[in-house]
């Protein structure tokens, strides 16, 4: 993760973004999301909008 702090602003603003190294974990995170989705389907559970998994597909 990359963290940028803008202390000269009121209120202080902090922005986070994923680093190049962090991006190397995206395939693992996608597999974990897929496993979770498969588990929910197997259990017959309907989940709401899974924004974390959907967001990781666009990164």
PDB file of N, CA and C in Angstrom:
ATOM      1  N   UNK A   1       0.834  -1.168   0.000  1.00  0.00           N
ATOM      2  CA  UNK A   1       0.000   0.000   0.000  1.00  0.00           C
ATOM      3  C   UNK A   1       0.881   1.235   0.000  1.00  0.00           C
ATOM      4  N   UNK A   2       0.392   2.233  -0.679  1.00  0.00           N
ATOM      5  CA  UNK A   2       1.050   3.532  -0.687  1.00  0.00           C
ATOM      6  C   UNK A   2       0.135   4.496   0.052  1.00  0.00           C
ATOM      7  N   UNK A   3       0.700   5.282   0.945  1.00  0.00           N
ATOM      8  CA  UNK A   3      -0.079   6.226   1.746  1.00  0.00           C
ATOM      9  C   UNK A   3       0.466   7.620   1.501  1.00  0.00           C
ATOM     10  N   UNK A   4      -0.415   8.535   1.084  1.00  0.00           N
ATOM     11  CA  UNK A   4      -0.041   9.931   0.869  1.00  0.00           C
ATOM     12  C   UNK A   4      -0.836  10.790   1.850  1.00  0.00           C
ATOM     13  N   UNK A   5      -0.131  11.609   2.625  1.00  0.00           N
ATOM     14  CA  UNK A   5      -0.758  12.479   3.620  1.00  0.00           C
ATOM     15  C   UNK A   5      -0.626  13.914   3.150  1.00  0.00           C
ATOM     16  N   UNK A   6      -1.740  14.618   3.145  1.00  0.00           N
ATOM     17  CA  UNK A   6      -1.764  16.036   2.765  1.00  0.00           C
ATOM     18  C   UNK A   6      -2.060  16.833   4.025  1.00  0.00           C
ATOM     19  N   UNK A   7      -1.008  17.070   4.827  1.00  0.00           N
ATOM     20  CA  UNK A   7      -1.159  17.720   6.130  1.00  0.00           C
ATOM     21  C   UNK A   7      -1.419  19.214   6.012  1.00  0.00           C
ATOM     22  N   UNK A   8      -1.179  19.773   4.836  1.00  0.00           N
ATOM     23  CA  UNK A   8      -1.394  21.207   4.657  1.00  0.00           C
ATOM     24  C   UNK A   8      -2.858  21.541   4.394  1.00  0.00           C
ATOM     25  N   UNK A   9      -3.715  20.526   4.303  1.00  0.00           N
ATOM     26  CA  UNK A   9      -5.141  20.740   4.067  1.00  0.00           C
ATOM     27  C   UNK A   9      -5.905  20.617   5.378  1.00  0.00           C
ATOM     28  N   UNK A  10      -7.043  21.309   5.453  1.00  0.00           N
ATOM     29  CA  UNK A  10      -7.924  21.202   6.614  1.00  0.00           C
ATOM     30  C   UNK A  10      -9.279  20.751   6.122  1.00  0.00           C
ATOM     31  N   UNK A  11      -9.782  19.603   6.573  1.00  0.00           N
ATOM     32  CA  UNK A  11      -9.083  18.649   7.431  1.00  0.00           C
ATOM     33  C   UNK A  11      -7.993  17.916   6.648  1.00  0.00           C
ATOM     34  N   UNK A  12      -7.083  17.315   7.387  1.00  0.00           N
ATOM     35  CA  UNK A  12      -5.989  16.576   6.759  1.00  0.00           C
ATOM     36  C   UNK A  12      -6.582  15.477   5.874  1.00  0.00           C
ATOM     37  N   UNK A  13      -6.012  15.337   4.702  1.00  0.00           N
ATOM     38  CA  UNK A  13      -6.482  14.331   3.759  1.00  0.00           C
ATOM     39  C   UNK A  13      -5.426  13.237   3.625  1.00  0.00           C
ATOM     40  N   UNK A  14      -5.879  11.997   3.610  1.00  0.00           N
ATOM     41  CA  UNK A  14      -4.990  10.846   3.438  1.00  0.00           C
ATOM     42  C   UNK A  14      -5.547  10.003   2.297  1.00  0.00           C
ATOM     43  N   UNK A  15      -4.686   9.666   1.352  1.00  0.00           N
ATOM     44  CA  UNK A  15      -5.085   8.816   0.231  1.00  0.00           C
ATOM     45  C   UNK A  15      -4.261   7.540   0.251  1.00  0.00           C
ATOM     46  N   UNK A  16      -4.923   6.439  -0.035  1.00  0.00           N
ATOM     47  CA  UNK A  16      -4.262   5.143  -0.103  1.00  0.00           C
ATOM     48  C   UNK A  16      -4.397   4.599  -1.517  1.00  0.00           C
ATOM     49  N   UNK A  17      -3.341   3.960  -1.986  1.00  0.00           N
ATOM     50  CA  UNK A  17      -3.396   3.296  -3.284  1.00  0.00           C
ATOM     51  C   UNK A  17      -2.547   2.036  -3.201  1.00  0.00           C
ATOM     52  N   UNK A  18      -2.785   1.153  -4.130  1.00  0.00           N
ATOM     53  CA  UNK A  18      -2.045  -0.108  -4.128  1.00  0.00           C
ATOM     54  C   UNK A  18      -0.715   0.091  -4.857  1.00  0.00           C
ATOM     55  N   UNK A  19       0.331  -0.443  -4.275  1.00  0.00           N
ATOM     56  CA  UNK A  19       1.660  -0.326  -4.866  1.00  0.00           C
ATOM     57  C   UNK A  19       1.854  -1.418  -5.923  1.00  0.00           C
ATOM     58  N   UNK A  20       2.925  -1.294  -6.677  1.00  0.00           N
ATOM     59  CA  UNK A  20       3.236  -2.331  -7.669  1.00  0.00           C
ATOM     60  C   UNK A  20       3.419  -3.682  -6.983  1.00  0.00           C
ATOM     61  N   UNK A  21       4.090  -3.684  -5.834  1.00  0.00           N
ATOM     62  CA  UNK A  21       4.274  -4.936  -5.101  1.00  0.00           C
ATOM     63  C   UNK A  21       2.920  -5.466  -4.625  1.00  0.00           C
ATOM     64  N   UNK A  22       2.068  -4.585  -4.164  1.00  0.00           N
ATOM     65  CA  UNK A  22       0.742  -5.002  -3.719  1.00  0.00           C
ATOM     66  C   UNK A  22      -0.067  -5.635  -4.840  1.00  0.00           C
ATOM     67  N   UNK A  23       0.125  -5.157  -6.048  1.00  0.00           N
ATOM     68  CA  UNK A  23      -0.589  -5.719  -7.199  1.00  0.00           C
ATOM     69  C   UNK A  23      -0.223  -7.174  -7.444  1.00  0.00           C
ATOM     70  N   UNK A  24       0.960  -7.602  -6.973  1.00  0.00           N
ATOM     71  CA  UNK A  24       1.351  -8.993  -7.169  1.00  0.00           C
ATOM     72  C   UNK A  24       0.450  -9.938  -6.377  1.00  0.00           C
ATOM     73  N   UNK A  25      -0.292  -9.412  -5.398  1.00  0.00           N
ATOM     74  CA  UNK A  25      -1.202 -10.233  -4.605  1.00  0.00           C
ATOM     75  C   UNK A  25      -2.594 -10.349  -5.231  1.00  0.00           C
ATOM     76  N   UNK A  26      -2.869  -9.600  -6.276  1.00  0.00           N
ATOM     77  CA  UNK A  26      -4.212  -9.600  -6.867  1.00  0.00           C
ATOM     78  C   UNK A  26      -4.658 -10.971  -7.359  1.00  0.00           C
ATOM     79  N   UNK A  27      -3.803 -11.772  -7.998  1.00  0.00           N
ATOM     80  CA  UNK A  27      -4.269 -13.109  -8.394  1.00  0.00           C
ATOM     81  C   UNK A  27      -4.708 -13.949  -7.190  1.00  0.00           C
ATOM     82  N   UNK A  28      -3.984 -13.863  -6.087  1.00  0.00           N
ATOM     83  CA  UNK A  28      -4.357 -14.589  -4.876  1.00  0.00           C
ATOM     84  C   UNK A  28      -5.692 -14.085  -4.330  1.00  0.00           C
ATOM     85  N   UNK A  29      -5.860 -12.766  -4.288  1.00  0.00           N
ATOM     86  CA  UNK A  29      -7.116 -12.196  -3.791  1.00  0.00           C
ATOM     87  C   UNK A  29      -8.294 -12.592  -4.679  1.00  0.00           C
ATOM     88  N   UNK A  30      -8.067 -12.642  -5.997  1.00  0.00           N
ATOM     89  CA  UNK A  30      -9.133 -13.058  -6.904  1.00  0.00           C
ATOM     90  C   UNK A  30      -9.529 -14.500  -6.625  1.00  0.00           C
ATOM     91  N   UNK A  31      -8.535 -15.369  -6.417  1.00  0.00           N
ATOM     92  CA  UNK A  31      -8.829 -16.771  -6.106  1.00  0.00           C
ATOM     93  C   UNK A  31      -9.622 -16.884  -4.804  1.00  0.00           C
ATOM     94  N   UNK A  32      -9.272 -16.062  -3.818  1.00  0.00           N
ATOM     95  CA  UNK A  32     -10.004 -16.091  -2.545  1.00  0.00           C
ATOM     96  C   UNK A  32     -11.448 -15.625  -2.741  1.00  0.00           C
ATOM     97  N   UNK A  33     -11.639 -14.589  -3.543  1.00  0.00           N
ATOM     98  CA  UNK A  33     -12.999 -14.114  -3.839  1.00  0.00           C
ATOM     99  C   UNK A  33     -13.795 -15.183  -4.568  1.00  0.00           C
ATOM    100  N   UNK A  34     -13.170 -15.815  -5.551  1.00  0.00           N
ATOM    101  CA  UNK A  34     -13.854 -16.871  -6.299  1.00  0.00           C
ATOM    102  C   UNK A  34     -14.233 -18.030  -5.387  1.00  0.00           C
ATOM    103  N   UNK A  35     -13.320 -18.403  -4.483  1.00  0.00           N
ATOM    104  CA  UNK A  35     -13.616 -19.485  -3.541  1.00  0.00           C
ATOM    105  C   UNK A  35     -14.800 -19.114  -2.647  1.00  0.00           C
ATOM    106  N   UNK A  36     -14.836 -17.875  -2.192  1.00  0.00           N
ATOM    107  CA  UNK A  36     -15.955 -17.418  -1.376  1.00  0.00           C
ATOM    108  C   UNK A  36     -17.255 -17.439  -2.146  1.00  0.00           C
ATOM    109  N   UNK A  37     -17.229 -16.983  -3.387  1.00  0.00           N
ATOM    110  CA  UNK A  37     -18.428 -16.999  -4.230  1.00  0.00           C
ATOM    111  C   UNK A  37     -18.922 -18.430  -4.444  1.00  0.00           C
ATOM    112  N   UNK A  38     -17.977 -19.345  -4.707  1.00  0.00           N
ATOM    113  CA  UNK A  38     -18.349 -20.754  -4.904  1.00  0.00           C
ATOM    114  C   UNK A  38     -18.950 -21.350  -3.639  1.00  0.00           C
ATOM    115  N   UNK A  39     -18.402 -20.995  -2.490  1.00  0.00           N
ATOM    116  CA  UNK A  39     -18.946 -21.484  -1.219  1.00  0.00           C
ATOM    117  C   UNK A  39     -20.383 -20.996  -1.022  1.00  0.00           C
ATOM    118  N   UNK A  40     -20.609 -19.713  -1.292  1.00  0.00           N
ATOM    119  CA  UNK A  40     -21.956 -19.167  -1.132  1.00  0.00           C
ATOM    120  C   UNK A  40     -22.945 -19.869  -2.059  1.00  0.00           C
ATOM    121  N   UNK A  41     -22.542 -20.103  -3.298  1.00  0.00           N
ATOM    122  CA  UNK A  41     -23.415 -20.801  -4.243  1.00  0.00           C
ATOM    123  C   UNK A  41     -23.721 -22.207  -3.761  1.00  0.00           C
ATOM    124  N   UNK A  42     -22.682 -22.911  -3.285  1.00  0.00           N
ATOM    125  CA  UNK A  42     -22.861 -24.278  -2.800  1.00  0.00           C
ATOM    126  C   UNK A  42     -23.821 -24.338  -1.609  1.00  0.00           C
ATOM    127  N   UNK A  43     -23.764 -23.310  -0.761  1.00  0.00           N
ATOM    128  CA  UNK A  43     -24.628 -23.255   0.415  1.00  0.00           C
ATOM    129  C   UNK A  43     -25.996 -22.652   0.106  1.00  0.00           C
ATOM    130  N   UNK A  44     -26.189 -22.192  -1.125  1.00  0.00           N
ATOM    131  CA  UNK A  44     -27.466 -21.599  -1.500  1.00  0.00           C
ATOM    132  C   UNK A  44     -27.697 -20.229  -0.899  1.00  0.00           C
ATOM    133  N   UNK A  45     -26.610 -19.543  -0.616  1.00  0.00           N
ATOM    134  CA  UNK A  45     -26.702 -18.217   0.002  1.00  0.00           C
ATOM    135  C   UNK A  45     -26.585 -17.163  -1.084  1.00  0.00           C
ATOM    136  N   UNK A  46     -27.497 -16.214  -1.060  1.00  0.00           N
ATOM    137  CA  UNK A  46     -27.449 -15.099  -2.001  1.00  0.00           C
ATOM    138  C   UNK A  46     -26.809 -13.925  -1.291  1.00  0.00           C
ATOM    139  N   UNK A  47     -25.676 -13.492  -1.805  1.00  0.00           N
ATOM    140  CA  UNK A  47     -24.974 -12.360  -1.211  1.00  0.00           C
ATOM    141  C   UNK A  47     -25.380 -11.089  -1.931  1.00  0.00           C
ATOM    142  N   UNK A  48     -25.210  -9.996  -1.249  1.00  0.00           N
ATOM    143  CA  UNK A  48     -25.451  -8.699  -1.868  1.00  0.00           C
ATOM    144  C   UNK A  48     -24.341  -8.395  -2.852  1.00  0.00           C
ATOM    145  N   UNK A  49     -24.226  -7.171  -3.228  1.00  0.00           N
ATOM    146  CA  UNK A  49     -23.194  -6.750  -4.164  1.00  0.00           C
ATOM    147  C   UNK A  49     -21.831  -6.967  -3.521  1.00  0.00           C
ATOM    148  N   UNK A  50     -21.023  -7.810  -4.122  1.00  0.00           N
ATOM    149  CA  UNK A  50     -19.707  -8.108  -3.594  1.00  0.00           C
ATOM    150  C   UNK A  50     -18.705  -7.155  -4.236  1.00  0.00           C
ATOM    151  N   UNK A  51     -18.633  -5.940  -3.706  1.00  0.00           N
ATOM    152  CA  UNK A  51     -17.818  -4.906  -4.346  1.00  0.00           C
ATOM    153  C   UNK A  51     -16.333  -5.189  -4.268  1.00  0.00           C
ATOM    154  N   UNK A  52     -15.877  -5.897  -3.245  1.00  0.00           N
ATOM    155  CA  UNK A  52     -14.446  -6.176  -3.137  1.00  0.00           C
ATOM    156  C   UNK A  52     -14.002  -7.070  -4.279  1.00  0.00           C
ATOM    157  N   UNK A  53     -14.736  -8.150  -4.516  1.00  0.00           N
ATOM    158  CA  UNK A  53     -14.355  -9.057  -5.597  1.00  0.00           C
ATOM    159  C   UNK A  53     -14.534  -8.390  -6.956  1.00  0.00           C
ATOM    160  N   UNK A  54     -15.592  -7.659  -7.119  1.00  0.00           N
ATOM    161  CA  UNK A  54     -15.814  -6.996  -8.407  1.00  0.00           C
ATOM    162  C   UNK A  54     -14.745  -5.942  -8.657  1.00  0.00           C
ATOM    163  N   UNK A  55     -14.347  -5.234  -7.619  1.00  0.00           N
ATOM    164  CA  UNK A  55     -13.333  -4.186  -7.772  1.00  0.00           C
ATOM    165  C   UNK A  55     -11.984  -4.803  -8.128  1.00  0.00           C
ATOM    166  N   UNK A  56     -11.673  -5.955  -7.551  1.00  0.00           N
ATOM    167  CA  UNK A  56     -10.367  -6.553  -7.819  1.00  0.00           C
ATOM    168  C   UNK A  56     -10.233  -6.998  -9.264  1.00  0.00           C
ATOM    169  N   UNK A  57     -11.346  -7.268  -9.937  1.00  0.00           N
ATOM    170  CA  UNK A  57     -11.289  -7.668 -11.340  1.00  0.00           C
ATOM    171  C   UNK A  57     -10.859  -6.522 -12.241  1.00  0.00           C
ATOM    172  N   UNK A  58     -11.099  -5.272 -11.800  1.00  0.00           N
ATOM    173  CA  UNK A  58     -10.778  -4.126 -12.643  1.00  0.00           C
ATOM    174  C   UNK A  58      -9.363  -3.614 -12.410  1.00  0.00           C
ATOM    175  N   UNK A  59      -8.655  -4.135 -11.402  1.00  0.00           N
ATOM    176  CA  UNK A  59      -7.309  -3.644 -11.096  1.00  0.00           C
ATOM    177  C   UNK A  59      -6.253  -4.278 -11.950  1.00  0.00           C
TER     178      UNK A  59
END
